[in-house]
Protein backbone atom coordinates (compact mmCIF):
# COMPACT_ATOMS: atom_id res chain seq x y z
CA MET A 1 103.27 76.96 166.30
CA THR A 2 101.88 73.41 166.10
CA ASP A 3 102.11 70.51 163.72
CA THR A 4 98.41 69.77 163.87
CA THR A 5 96.93 72.52 161.73
CA THR A 6 95.54 71.67 158.34
CA ALA A 7 97.42 72.29 155.14
CA THR A 8 96.08 75.25 153.23
CA THR A 9 96.68 74.21 149.65
CA ALA A 10 94.64 75.29 146.66
CA ALA A 11 92.99 71.91 146.60
CA GLU A 12 91.69 72.21 150.14
CA THR A 13 88.89 74.17 151.68
CA ASP A 14 89.34 76.51 154.60
CA ALA A 15 87.78 74.06 157.04
CA THR A 16 89.97 72.51 159.69
CA ALA A 17 87.41 70.08 161.09
CA PRO A 18 85.23 67.47 159.37
CA LYS A 19 81.84 68.75 158.25
CA ALA A 20 78.59 66.90 157.61
CA PRO A 21 79.06 64.58 154.60
CA ILE A 22 76.33 66.29 152.57
CA THR A 23 77.98 69.68 153.21
CA ARG A 24 81.37 68.38 152.12
CA LEU A 25 79.82 66.74 149.04
CA TRP A 26 78.45 70.13 148.04
CA ALA A 27 81.84 71.73 148.68
CA TYR A 28 83.48 69.22 146.33
CA ALA A 29 80.84 69.58 143.61
CA ARG A 30 80.44 73.35 143.57
CA ARG A 31 83.93 73.89 142.14
CA HIS A 32 82.72 72.18 138.98
CA LEU A 33 79.17 73.49 139.16
CA ARG A 34 79.12 75.03 135.68
CA LEU A 35 79.82 71.77 133.87
CA LEU A 36 77.47 69.89 136.19
CA LEU A 37 74.66 72.36 135.52
CA ILE A 38 75.16 72.25 131.74
CA GLY A 39 75.12 68.45 131.78
CA GLY A 40 72.13 68.42 134.12
CA ALA A 41 70.24 70.93 131.97
CA LEU A 42 70.79 68.80 128.86
CA SER A 43 69.67 65.67 130.72
CA PHE A 44 66.63 67.53 132.01
CA ALA A 45 65.80 68.73 128.52
CA GLY A 46 66.07 65.16 127.28
CA GLY A 47 63.67 64.09 130.00
CA LEU A 48 61.18 66.81 129.12
CA VAL A 49 61.29 65.73 125.49
CA GLY A 50 60.58 62.20 126.67
CA LEU A 51 57.47 63.38 128.50
CA VAL A 52 56.06 64.56 125.19
CA GLN A 53 56.05 61.02 123.76
CA PRO A 54 52.88 59.83 125.59
CA LEU A 55 51.06 62.96 124.41
CA ILE A 56 52.10 62.27 120.79
CA ALA A 57 50.94 58.68 121.25
CA MET A 58 47.52 60.02 122.30
CA ASP A 59 47.52 62.18 119.16
CA ILE A 60 48.31 59.14 117.01
CA ILE A 61 45.36 57.24 118.51
CA ASP A 62 43.03 60.18 117.97
CA THR A 63 44.32 60.53 114.39
CA LEU A 64 43.63 56.85 113.72
CA ALA A 65 40.16 57.20 115.19
CA ALA A 66 39.51 60.15 112.87
CA ASN A 67 40.89 58.17 109.90
CA GLU A 68 43.39 60.92 109.14
CA SER A 69 47.02 60.77 107.88
CA LEU A 70 49.67 59.68 110.43
CA THR A 71 52.51 61.52 108.68
CA ARG A 72 52.52 64.56 110.93
CA PRO A 73 52.42 62.77 114.34
CA LEU A 74 54.94 60.18 113.19
CA VAL A 75 57.37 62.91 112.08
CA TYR A 76 56.92 64.59 115.47
CA LEU A 77 57.49 61.30 117.28
CA THR A 78 60.63 60.56 115.25
CA ALA A 79 62.04 64.03 115.96
CA VAL A 80 61.27 63.74 119.67
CA VAL A 81 62.98 60.33 119.91
CA ILE A 82 66.13 61.54 118.11
CA VAL A 83 66.44 64.82 119.99
CA GLY A 84 65.64 63.21 123.32
CA GLY A 85 68.21 60.47 122.75
CA ALA A 86 70.93 62.96 121.80
CA LEU A 87 70.26 65.16 124.82
CA SER A 88 70.11 62.16 127.16
CA ALA A 89 73.51 60.98 125.91
CA LEU A 90 75.33 64.32 125.92
CA GLY A 91 74.13 65.42 129.35
CA PRO A 92 75.41 62.39 131.31
CA TYR A 93 78.70 62.52 129.36
CA LEU A 94 79.36 66.08 130.51
CA MET A 95 78.44 65.14 134.07
CA GLN A 96 80.85 62.21 133.99
CA ILE A 97 83.62 64.61 132.97
CA ALA A 98 82.68 66.82 135.92
CA GLY A 99 82.66 63.74 138.15
CA GLN A 100 86.21 62.86 137.13
CA ASP A 101 87.23 66.45 137.88
CA VAL A 102 85.63 66.23 141.32
CA VAL A 103 87.52 63.02 142.07
CA LEU A 104 90.78 64.63 140.93
CA THR A 105 90.17 67.57 143.27
CA VAL A 106 89.40 65.30 146.21
CA ARG A 107 92.37 63.03 145.51
CA ARG A 108 94.72 66.01 145.34
CA GLN A 109 93.39 67.22 148.68
CA LEU A 110 93.62 63.75 150.20
CA ILE A 111 97.14 63.14 148.86
CA GLY A 112 98.27 66.45 150.36
CA ARG A 113 96.86 65.52 153.75
CA LEU A 114 98.06 61.90 153.75
CA VAL A 115 101.65 62.74 152.81
CA ARG A 116 101.72 65.54 155.39
CA LEU A 117 100.37 63.40 158.23
CA GLN A 118 102.43 63.43 161.38
CA VAL A 119 104.70 60.42 161.86
CA ALA A 120 102.79 59.56 165.03
CA GLU A 121 99.53 59.26 163.07
CA VAL A 122 101.03 57.01 160.40
CA ASP A 123 102.63 54.84 163.09
CA ARG A 124 99.25 54.07 164.64
CA LEU A 125 97.16 53.77 161.46
CA LYS A 126 96.85 51.03 158.85
CA PRO A 127 98.48 52.10 155.55
CA GLY A 128 96.21 49.79 153.55
CA ASP A 129 93.12 51.52 154.91
CA LEU A 130 94.55 54.93 154.04
CA VAL A 131 95.22 53.72 150.49
CA SER A 132 91.63 52.47 150.30
CA ARG A 133 90.34 55.95 151.14
CA LEU A 134 92.40 57.40 148.29
CA THR A 135 91.31 54.79 145.73
CA SER A 136 88.00 53.03 146.27
CA ASP A 137 86.34 55.69 148.43
CA THR A 138 87.14 58.51 146.02
CA ASN A 139 85.97 56.33 143.13
CA LEU A 140 82.62 55.88 144.86
CA LEU A 141 82.45 59.64 145.10
CA ARG A 142 82.78 60.10 141.32
CA THR A 143 79.31 58.93 140.34
CA VAL A 144 77.66 60.50 143.36
CA ALA A 145 79.18 63.93 142.81
CA SER A 146 78.12 64.00 139.17
CA THR A 147 75.25 61.93 137.80
CA THR A 148 73.72 60.91 141.11
CA VAL A 149 72.95 64.37 142.43
CA ILE A 150 72.09 66.04 139.12
CA GLY A 151 70.40 62.91 137.80
CA GLY A 152 68.39 62.57 140.97
CA VAL A 153 67.22 66.17 140.72
CA THR A 154 66.38 65.67 137.04
CA ASP A 155 64.43 62.51 137.81
CA ALA A 156 62.58 64.30 140.58
CA PHE A 157 61.52 67.07 138.18
CA MET A 158 60.51 64.47 135.61
CA ILE A 159 58.34 62.77 138.20
CA LEU A 160 56.78 66.08 139.21
CA GLY A 161 56.17 66.98 135.57
CA GLY A 162 54.64 63.57 134.90
CA ILE A 163 52.44 63.87 137.97
CA GLY A 164 51.27 67.27 136.73
CA LEU A 165 50.33 65.80 133.35
CA MET A 166 48.53 62.95 135.10
CA ALA A 167 46.49 65.41 137.14
CA TRP A 168 45.60 67.25 133.94
CA LEU A 169 44.61 64.06 132.09
CA ASP A 170 42.39 62.47 134.76
CA PRO A 171 42.07 63.45 138.46
CA VAL A 172 40.66 60.04 139.50
CA LEU A 173 43.55 58.02 138.10
CA PHE A 174 45.93 60.68 139.44
CA GLY A 175 44.65 60.07 142.98
CA THR A 176 45.17 56.35 142.59
CA THR A 177 48.76 56.92 141.47
CA MET A 178 49.57 59.38 144.27
CA ALA A 179 48.66 56.83 146.93
CA MET A 180 51.40 54.59 145.55
CA VAL A 181 53.89 57.49 145.41
CA LEU A 182 53.25 58.21 149.09
CA MET A 183 53.94 54.57 149.91
CA VAL A 184 57.27 54.70 148.08
CA THR A 185 58.29 57.87 149.95
CA VAL A 186 57.62 56.38 153.39
CA MET A 187 59.57 53.22 152.59
CA MET A 188 62.55 55.19 151.25
CA LEU A 189 62.76 57.27 154.43
CA PHE A 190 63.14 54.04 156.35
CA ILE A 191 65.65 52.34 154.03
CA MET A 192 68.09 55.07 152.99
CA PRO A 193 69.91 55.61 156.34
CA ARG A 194 70.48 51.87 156.57
CA ILE A 195 72.11 51.85 153.15
CA GLN A 196 74.59 54.51 154.28
CA ASN A 197 75.47 52.68 157.51
CA ALA A 198 75.92 49.38 155.69
CA THR A 199 78.14 51.04 153.08
CA VAL A 200 80.39 52.60 155.74
CA ASP A 201 80.87 49.15 157.27
CA SER A 202 81.54 47.62 153.86
CA GLN A 203 84.20 50.20 152.94
CA LYS A 204 85.85 49.83 156.33
CA ALA A 205 86.03 46.07 155.81
CA LEU A 206 87.68 46.62 152.41
CA GLY A 207 90.20 48.96 154.05
CA ASP A 208 91.01 46.34 156.68
CA MET A 209 91.57 43.73 153.97
CA GLY A 210 93.88 46.12 152.13
CA SER A 211 95.83 46.73 155.33
CA LEU A 212 96.37 43.00 155.84
CA LEU A 213 97.59 42.59 152.26
CA GLU A 214 99.95 45.59 152.63
CA ARG A 215 101.25 43.97 155.81
CA VAL A 216 102.11 40.77 153.91
CA PHE A 217 103.87 42.57 151.05
CA SER A 218 105.86 44.78 153.42
CA ALA A 219 107.48 41.64 154.87
CA PHE A 220 107.02 39.30 151.92
CA ARG A 221 110.31 37.45 152.20
CA THR A 222 109.88 37.01 155.95
CA VAL A 223 106.42 35.50 155.39
CA LYS A 224 107.81 33.03 152.87
CA ALA A 225 110.92 32.20 154.89
CA SER A 226 108.73 31.53 157.92
CA GLY A 227 106.42 29.25 155.97
CA ALA A 228 103.59 31.51 157.05
CA GLU A 229 101.77 31.72 153.71
CA ALA A 230 98.87 29.53 154.88
CA HIS A 231 98.46 31.55 158.07
CA GLU A 232 98.45 34.87 156.23
CA ILE A 233 96.14 33.53 153.53
CA GLY A 234 93.78 32.46 156.31
CA ARG A 235 93.79 35.95 157.79
CA LEU A 236 93.21 37.53 154.38
CA ASP A 237 90.46 35.03 153.64
CA GLY A 238 88.77 35.98 156.89
CA ALA A 239 89.02 39.66 156.00
CA ALA A 240 87.69 38.98 152.49
CA THR A 241 84.77 37.04 153.98
CA THR A 242 83.97 39.89 156.34
CA ALA A 243 84.10 42.36 153.43
CA ARG A 244 81.79 40.07 151.46
CA ASP A 245 79.31 39.83 154.34
CA LYS A 246 79.31 43.61 154.81
CA GLY A 247 78.87 44.07 151.07
CA VAL A 248 75.96 41.62 151.00
CA LYS A 249 74.28 43.56 153.78
CA ALA A 250 74.63 46.80 151.84
CA SER A 251 73.35 45.07 148.69
CA PHE A 252 70.33 43.75 150.62
CA TRP A 253 69.21 47.24 151.57
CA GLU A 254 69.86 48.53 148.05
CA ALA A 255 67.82 45.67 146.57
CA LEU A 256 65.05 46.34 149.07
CA ALA A 257 65.04 49.97 147.98
CA GLY A 258 64.53 48.86 144.38
CA VAL A 259 61.66 46.57 145.34
CA ALA A 260 60.11 49.28 147.48
CA ALA A 261 60.14 51.59 144.45
CA PHE A 262 58.84 49.27 141.76
CA MET A 263 56.26 47.21 143.61
CA PRO A 264 53.98 50.20 144.35
CA VAL A 265 54.47 51.47 140.78
CA ASN A 266 53.47 48.12 139.33
CA ILE A 267 50.48 47.93 141.63
CA ALA A 268 49.56 51.46 140.56
CA PHE A 269 49.82 50.36 136.90
CA LEU A 270 47.36 47.50 137.49
CA MET A 271 45.00 49.70 139.47
CA VAL A 272 45.06 52.39 136.79
CA LEU A 273 44.39 49.75 134.16
CA GLY A 274 41.44 48.39 136.14
CA VAL A 275 39.92 51.70 137.22
CA GLY A 276 40.63 53.32 133.86
CA GLY A 277 39.18 50.37 131.95
CA ALA A 278 35.98 50.64 133.99
CA ARG A 279 35.82 54.39 133.31
CA VAL A 280 36.31 53.81 129.56
CA ALA A 281 33.59 51.16 129.59
CA SER A 282 31.22 53.55 131.34
CA GLY A 283 32.05 56.33 128.88
CA ALA A 284 33.58 58.58 131.53
CA MET A 285 36.99 58.49 129.83
CA ALA A 286 38.20 58.29 126.26
CA ILE A 287 40.34 55.30 125.32
CA GLY A 288 43.10 57.64 124.08
CA THR A 289 43.29 59.31 127.51
CA LEU A 290 43.65 55.94 129.25
CA ILE A 291 46.39 54.84 126.87
CA GLY A 292 48.20 58.18 127.30
CA PHE A 293 47.93 57.89 131.10
CA LEU A 294 49.27 54.33 131.04
CA LEU A 295 52.13 55.32 128.74
CA LEU A 296 52.92 58.24 131.02
CA LEU A 297 52.93 55.97 134.07
CA PHE A 298 55.09 53.47 132.21
CA TYR A 299 57.47 56.27 131.19
CA LEU A 300 57.75 57.46 134.79
CA MET A 301 59.03 54.07 135.89
CA GLY A 302 62.42 55.15 134.51
CA PRO A 303 62.67 58.40 136.51
CA ILE A 304 61.29 56.69 139.62
CA GLY A 305 63.87 53.92 139.35
CA GLY A 306 66.56 56.52 138.62
CA LEU A 307 65.57 58.58 141.66
CA VAL A 308 65.66 55.53 143.93
CA ALA A 309 69.05 54.51 142.52
CA SER A 310 70.30 58.08 142.98
CA LEU A 311 69.18 58.09 146.61
CA SER A 312 70.88 54.73 147.20
CA GLN A 313 74.09 55.91 145.52
CA LEU A 314 73.90 59.13 147.50
CA GLN A 315 74.03 57.13 150.73
CA THR A 316 77.03 55.25 149.36
CA GLY A 317 78.69 58.53 148.41
CA LEU A 318 78.00 60.08 151.81
CA ALA A 319 79.61 57.04 153.42
CA ALA A 320 82.67 57.56 151.21
CA VAL A 321 82.75 61.28 152.08
CA HIS A 322 82.58 60.36 155.77
CA ARG A 323 85.67 58.15 155.45
CA ILE A 324 87.52 60.72 153.35
CA GLU A 325 86.69 63.47 155.83
CA GLU A 326 87.99 61.41 158.75
CA VAL A 327 91.45 62.14 157.38
CA ALA A 328 90.80 65.84 158.06
CA SER A 329 90.71 65.08 161.79
CA LEU A 330 94.17 63.49 161.75
CA ASP A 331 97.15 65.50 162.93
CA SER A 332 99.20 66.79 160.02
CA GLU A 333 102.16 69.06 159.40
CA GLU A 334 101.40 72.43 157.90
CA PRO A 335 103.65 73.81 155.16
CA GLU A 336 104.74 76.85 157.14
CA THR A 337 105.50 80.33 155.87
CA ALA A 338 107.07 81.66 159.08
CA PRO A 339 110.29 83.70 158.80
CA ARG A 340 113.60 81.89 158.91
CA ARG A 341 114.82 81.08 162.39
CA SER A 342 118.49 80.99 161.50
CA ASP A 343 120.72 82.35 158.77
CA ARG A 344 123.76 80.56 160.08
CA THR A 345 126.12 78.58 157.94
CA GLY A 346 128.47 75.84 159.01
CA PRO A 347 127.72 73.13 161.59
CA ALA A 348 124.40 73.30 163.45
CA GLN A 349 124.40 73.13 167.25
CA VAL A 350 122.12 70.67 169.07
CA ALA A 351 121.12 70.70 172.72
CA PHE A 352 118.65 68.71 174.85
CA ASN A 353 117.55 70.44 178.05
CA ASP A 354 115.84 68.12 180.55
CA VAL A 355 113.76 66.41 177.86
CA THR A 356 111.12 63.85 178.74
CA PHE A 357 109.20 61.94 176.12
CA ARG A 358 106.72 59.13 175.65
CA TYR A 359 104.95 57.94 172.50
CA GLY A 360 101.47 58.07 174.03
CA GLU A 361 99.70 59.02 177.23
CA ASP A 362 99.10 55.35 178.01
CA LEU A 363 102.71 54.36 177.27
CA PRO A 364 105.80 54.50 179.52
CA PHE A 365 108.35 57.31 179.21
CA VAL A 366 111.28 56.70 176.85
CA HIS A 367 113.24 59.75 178.08
CA HIS A 368 113.36 60.79 181.72
CA GLY A 369 115.09 64.17 181.60
CA VAL A 370 117.72 63.89 178.86
CA THR A 371 120.33 66.65 178.83
CA PHE A 372 123.36 66.90 176.54
CA ALA A 373 124.81 69.18 173.86
CA SER A 374 126.62 68.71 170.58
CA SER A 375 128.13 72.01 169.54
CA GLY A 376 129.81 72.73 166.26
CA ARG A 377 131.69 70.39 163.94
CA GLY A 378 132.76 66.99 165.15
CA LEU A 379 131.42 63.50 165.78
CA THR A 380 129.13 62.74 168.72
CA ALA A 381 128.33 59.06 169.32
CA LEU A 382 125.21 57.98 171.23
CA VAL A 383 125.70 54.60 172.89
CA GLY A 384 123.87 52.47 175.40
CA PRO A 385 121.84 49.28 175.78
CA SER A 386 118.93 48.52 173.44
CA GLY A 387 115.83 50.52 174.38
CA ALA A 388 117.80 53.25 176.14
CA GLY A 389 116.26 55.97 173.91
CA LYS A 390 119.09 56.68 171.46
CA THR A 391 117.12 56.58 168.19
CA THR A 392 114.31 58.61 169.76
CA VAL A 393 116.78 61.50 170.04
CA PHE A 394 116.78 61.75 166.24
CA SER A 395 112.97 61.64 166.05
CA LEU A 396 112.77 64.58 168.45
CA ILE A 397 115.39 66.59 166.54
CA GLU A 398 113.54 65.99 163.26
CA ARG A 399 110.28 66.93 165.04
CA PHE A 400 108.65 63.66 164.07
CA TYR A 401 107.34 63.76 167.64
CA PRO A 402 107.12 66.66 170.10
CA ALA A 403 109.01 66.44 173.39
CA THR A 404 106.64 65.87 176.32
CA THR A 405 108.56 68.35 178.46
CA GLY A 406 111.89 70.15 178.19
CA GLN A 407 113.54 71.69 175.15
CA VAL A 408 115.16 70.34 171.99
CA LEU A 409 117.29 73.14 170.54
CA VAL A 410 118.94 73.55 167.14
CA ASP A 411 121.18 76.60 166.88
CA GLY A 412 119.77 77.71 170.23
CA VAL A 413 116.17 77.77 168.92
CA ASP A 414 113.55 75.29 170.08
CA VAL A 415 112.68 72.98 167.18
CA THR A 416 108.99 73.84 167.65
CA GLU A 417 109.85 77.42 166.67
CA TRP A 418 111.56 76.40 163.44
CA PRO A 419 109.57 76.21 160.19
CA LEU A 420 109.56 72.48 159.47
CA GLU A 421 110.90 72.80 155.95
CA GLU A 422 113.81 74.93 157.12
CA LEU A 423 114.56 72.68 160.11
CA ARG A 424 114.68 69.52 158.06
CA GLY A 425 116.51 71.36 155.31
CA VAL A 426 119.61 71.67 157.49
CA ILE A 427 119.54 67.99 158.52
CA GLY A 428 120.71 64.89 156.71
CA TYR A 429 119.15 61.76 158.23
CA VAL A 430 120.06 58.11 157.63
CA GLU A 431 117.58 55.74 159.24
CA GLN A 432 118.55 52.44 160.77
CA ASP A 433 116.85 50.33 158.09
CA ALA A 434 118.06 52.68 155.29
CA PRO A 435 114.82 52.66 153.26
CA VAL A 436 115.05 52.85 149.48
CA LEU A 437 111.93 53.73 147.49
CA ASP A 438 110.66 52.10 144.34
CA GLY A 439 112.08 53.97 141.37
CA THR A 440 115.51 54.63 139.89
CA LEU A 441 118.75 55.00 141.78
CA ARG A 442 118.95 58.62 140.62
CA GLU A 443 115.44 59.37 141.95
CA ASN A 444 116.41 57.94 145.33
CA LEU A 445 119.58 59.99 145.54
CA VAL A 446 118.09 63.36 144.55
CA MET A 447 114.98 62.98 146.72
CA ALA A 448 116.29 65.45 149.29
CA ALA A 449 118.28 67.54 146.80
CA PRO A 450 116.25 67.84 143.57
CA ASN A 451 118.49 70.61 142.23
CA ALA A 452 121.71 68.62 142.54
CA THR A 453 123.91 68.70 139.45
CA GLU A 454 125.33 65.67 137.66
CA ALA A 455 128.74 66.54 139.09
CA ASP A 456 127.28 66.59 142.60
CA LEU A 457 125.74 63.18 142.00
CA LEU A 458 128.92 61.62 140.70
CA ASP A 459 130.89 63.09 143.59
CA VAL A 460 128.55 61.67 146.25
CA VAL A 461 128.46 58.31 144.43
CA GLU A 462 132.23 58.13 144.76
CA VAL A 463 132.25 59.30 148.37
CA ALA A 464 129.62 56.70 149.37
CA ARG A 465 131.51 53.94 147.53
CA LEU A 466 128.67 53.38 145.04
CA THR A 467 130.80 53.64 141.89
CA GLU A 468 131.05 49.89 141.43
CA LEU A 469 127.30 49.46 141.93
CA VAL A 470 126.46 52.14 139.37
CA GLY A 471 128.89 50.58 136.92
CA LYS A 472 127.28 47.16 137.02
CA LEU A 473 123.67 48.34 136.84
CA PRO A 474 122.26 48.06 133.28
CA GLU A 475 121.26 51.74 133.05
CA GLY A 476 123.60 53.19 135.66
CA LEU A 477 121.98 55.83 137.83
CA ASP A 478 118.75 55.47 135.85
CA SER A 479 118.33 51.78 136.71
CA ARG A 480 115.29 50.82 138.75
CA VAL A 481 116.01 49.42 142.21
CA GLY A 482 112.70 47.60 142.82
CA TYR A 483 110.11 47.80 145.57
CA ARG A 484 111.86 48.84 148.81
CA GLY A 485 115.19 48.49 146.97
CA THR A 486 114.92 44.71 146.72
CA THR A 487 117.49 44.54 143.90
CA LEU A 488 120.13 45.99 146.24
CA SER A 489 121.94 44.33 149.11
CA GLY A 490 121.55 45.60 152.66
CA GLY A 491 124.93 47.29 152.50
CA GLU A 492 124.15 48.89 149.15
CA ARG A 493 120.86 50.27 150.49
CA GLN A 494 122.74 51.71 153.43
CA ARG A 495 125.27 53.40 151.17
CA VAL A 496 122.46 54.81 149.01
CA ALA A 497 120.85 56.28 152.13
CA ILE A 498 124.15 57.83 153.20
CA ALA A 499 124.75 59.27 149.73
CA ARG A 500 121.22 60.71 149.74
CA ALA A 501 121.87 62.44 153.07
CA LEU A 502 125.28 63.78 152.00
CA LEU A 503 123.96 65.12 148.68
CA ARG A 504 121.97 67.85 150.40
CA ARG A 505 125.13 69.12 152.16
CA PRO A 506 123.57 69.12 155.63
CA ARG A 507 124.68 71.29 158.52
CA LEU A 508 123.68 68.47 160.86
CA LEU A 509 124.09 64.80 159.93
CA LEU A 510 122.16 62.14 161.87
CA LEU A 511 123.32 58.55 161.34
CA ASP A 512 121.37 55.75 163.00
CA GLU A 513 124.07 53.07 162.96
CA ALA A 514 124.83 53.73 159.32
CA THR A 515 127.49 51.02 158.98
CA SER A 516 125.63 48.11 160.58
CA GLN A 517 125.12 46.20 157.29
CA LEU A 518 128.49 46.90 155.69
CA ASP A 519 131.40 44.51 155.31
CA ALA A 520 134.73 45.39 156.88
CA ALA A 521 136.16 47.11 153.78
CA ASN A 522 133.08 49.25 153.16
CA GLU A 523 132.67 49.95 156.87
CA ALA A 524 136.19 51.33 157.03
CA ALA A 525 135.54 53.43 153.93
CA LEU A 526 132.22 54.79 155.24
CA LYS A 527 133.78 55.43 158.62
CA GLN A 528 136.26 57.66 156.86
CA VAL A 529 133.38 59.39 155.04
CA MET A 530 131.76 59.99 158.42
CA LEU A 531 134.97 61.41 159.88
CA ASP A 532 135.48 63.62 156.81
CA ALA A 533 131.91 64.93 157.21
CA ALA A 534 132.59 65.59 160.89
CA GLU A 535 135.39 67.95 159.90
CA ARG A 536 132.83 70.14 158.08
CA THR A 537 129.63 69.65 160.02
CA ASN A 538 128.04 68.33 163.20
CA VAL A 539 127.58 64.55 163.03
CA LEU A 540 125.51 62.56 165.53
CA VAL A 541 125.63 58.81 165.21
CA VAL A 542 123.82 56.06 167.11
CA ALA A 543 126.72 53.63 167.39
CA HIS A 544 126.82 49.91 168.03
CA ARG A 545 130.40 49.26 166.91
CA LEU A 546 133.47 50.08 168.92
CA SER A 547 135.37 51.28 165.87
CA THR A 548 132.85 54.10 165.41
CA VAL A 549 132.85 55.07 169.08
CA THR A 550 136.59 55.30 169.60
CA SER A 551 136.84 57.87 166.78
CA ALA A 552 134.16 60.13 168.29
CA ASP A 553 134.99 63.55 169.70
CA GLN A 554 132.24 63.06 172.28
CA ILE A 555 130.37 60.01 173.51
CA VAL A 556 126.95 60.27 175.20
CA VAL A 557 126.03 57.20 177.25
CA PHE A 558 122.30 56.46 177.55
CA ASP A 559 120.75 54.12 180.07
CA THR A 560 116.99 53.60 180.57
CA GLY A 561 116.07 57.00 179.19
CA VAL A 562 118.68 59.17 180.88
CA VAL A 563 122.18 60.39 180.05
CA ARG A 564 124.45 58.82 182.61
CA ALA A 565 127.80 60.01 181.26
CA VAL A 566 129.44 62.19 178.61
CA GLY A 567 133.08 62.12 177.57
CA THR A 568 135.69 60.64 175.28
CA HIS A 569 136.36 56.94 174.96
CA ALA A 570 139.35 57.06 177.30
CA GLU A 571 137.50 59.15 179.91
CA LEU A 572 134.45 56.91 179.94
CA VAL A 573 136.44 53.67 180.14
CA GLU A 574 138.01 55.09 183.27
CA LYS A 575 134.97 56.55 185.03
CA ASP A 576 131.77 54.78 183.85
CA ASP A 577 131.06 51.14 184.62
CA LEU A 578 128.31 50.72 182.00
CA TYR A 579 130.47 52.10 179.23
CA ARG A 580 133.44 50.07 180.39
CA GLY A 581 131.32 46.93 180.12
CA LEU A 582 130.03 47.90 176.68
CA ALA A 583 133.55 48.59 175.48
CA ALA A 584 134.80 45.32 176.93
CA SER A 585 132.13 43.45 174.97
CA GLN A 586 133.18 45.44 171.88
CA LEU A 587 129.74 47.15 171.96
CA LEU A 588 128.49 44.82 169.26
CA THR A 589 131.38 44.04 166.98
CA ALA A 590 134.91 45.36 166.97
CA ALA A 591 136.37 46.43 163.64
């Protein structure tokens, strides 16, 4: 079982690899085909009604020439204008509704894939660019998936219908007009691919700018404290300039497409006026026919312009689809339905058997054959110099990354054989930087245990020494904690992370130096929480403080990606030089 298969949610198709953009655009639109077709049919009907107007105008001229009453043709013309206007308004409105539905479908699919991306993919990508694909790219898709496609087809039929009427009215003027239509077609075939390429570049530049801005906000205080505002503004300005230049290039090709459409039409109008005027003067054509032909040609300028705009927007939409579909090629974690791998209760057992690991094929190994075991309840401390591979142990247990070789076992089963949801369901994990999400304190605590009761919450608040914090917050547990928990101190964020992990009652608790930002009083209290948890479950802690290590039932000493010694504090002080030196320097800080 792998982590790289696509998620099969209701919002996704059964494809696991990116398809051609036009194919994917059809896949998005066909789920809302009924509404699109109704809206398109109404728009088409409105266009057909519009085609009747030049013919009624011819009738009015003939009626005037015959000195007859204009009541009948004027009533017809009024009815045609009203009906045509109503149909032309209702049709696009329905298609816009369908377009919003298409965007919702795509965004649901994209959200599912983005949130389920593997940690390795998110580590190497730019979050701002991913956000851009969810927002601006899907917004570009809205118009294309609704009015652009249907409107383009409608305009094409209007043009064909108008051309048919022109051929019926006068074959000579029809031939003159068709020469211009052929010219427009050739020019569009040349311009349209360039619009798509320019749009892809423009959207990528916007994504890069968003990534730079996200980078600034993710370390906003550091930027200000470093006096780096001018430097970061310069980088953002450069990105904004690049986005502007790419956008100008795309606009150039779109403007050229408009010129390429209207110049031949205007030339055709003048030629029809000249040739038709000569034919009227010679008696070969009635004046009413010439006026009707000119009105028809004038009317077709709208559908021709609409078709060109639709083709230009289609290239923009295909560029957006291309960027959205790139996400489908990223490695993600599938919500698995495999049978449970373990029905055990009580502490989970962990074992590493000759594990090697590196973050990429072009990167050095972090682990060079790590072997150790942590069986049953108790506290196991992982110690060693910085960069020895301690935190990576937790990433491999959580299956954020796969081991390069060897086995990582939980309850005797390789983690790759566990369903991800079940595996992570038995683990409580407190990261080193103890992230807190924007939202309320309650939302942060119940993230991993949504069914926790109020009593459970109050109990874990007391255990994690958060009672005082909750008491001073204006709305208690329902108070907002700000972006990345900025309203909380480092120690408070750490205690929130610990409470969150404890609330799910894990069988395996992973603590990545969970007391590093606590004062002495809170550190002693949380150390007792950790020891209490170790009496009920298996606790692994990456430790940098001697007070944590001396209380451990087992200490695993890491050095440059290998386990060099395992034992108790007293045993290791006696037999291992590296540990003896670490202990002598109080690891980092003695309690």
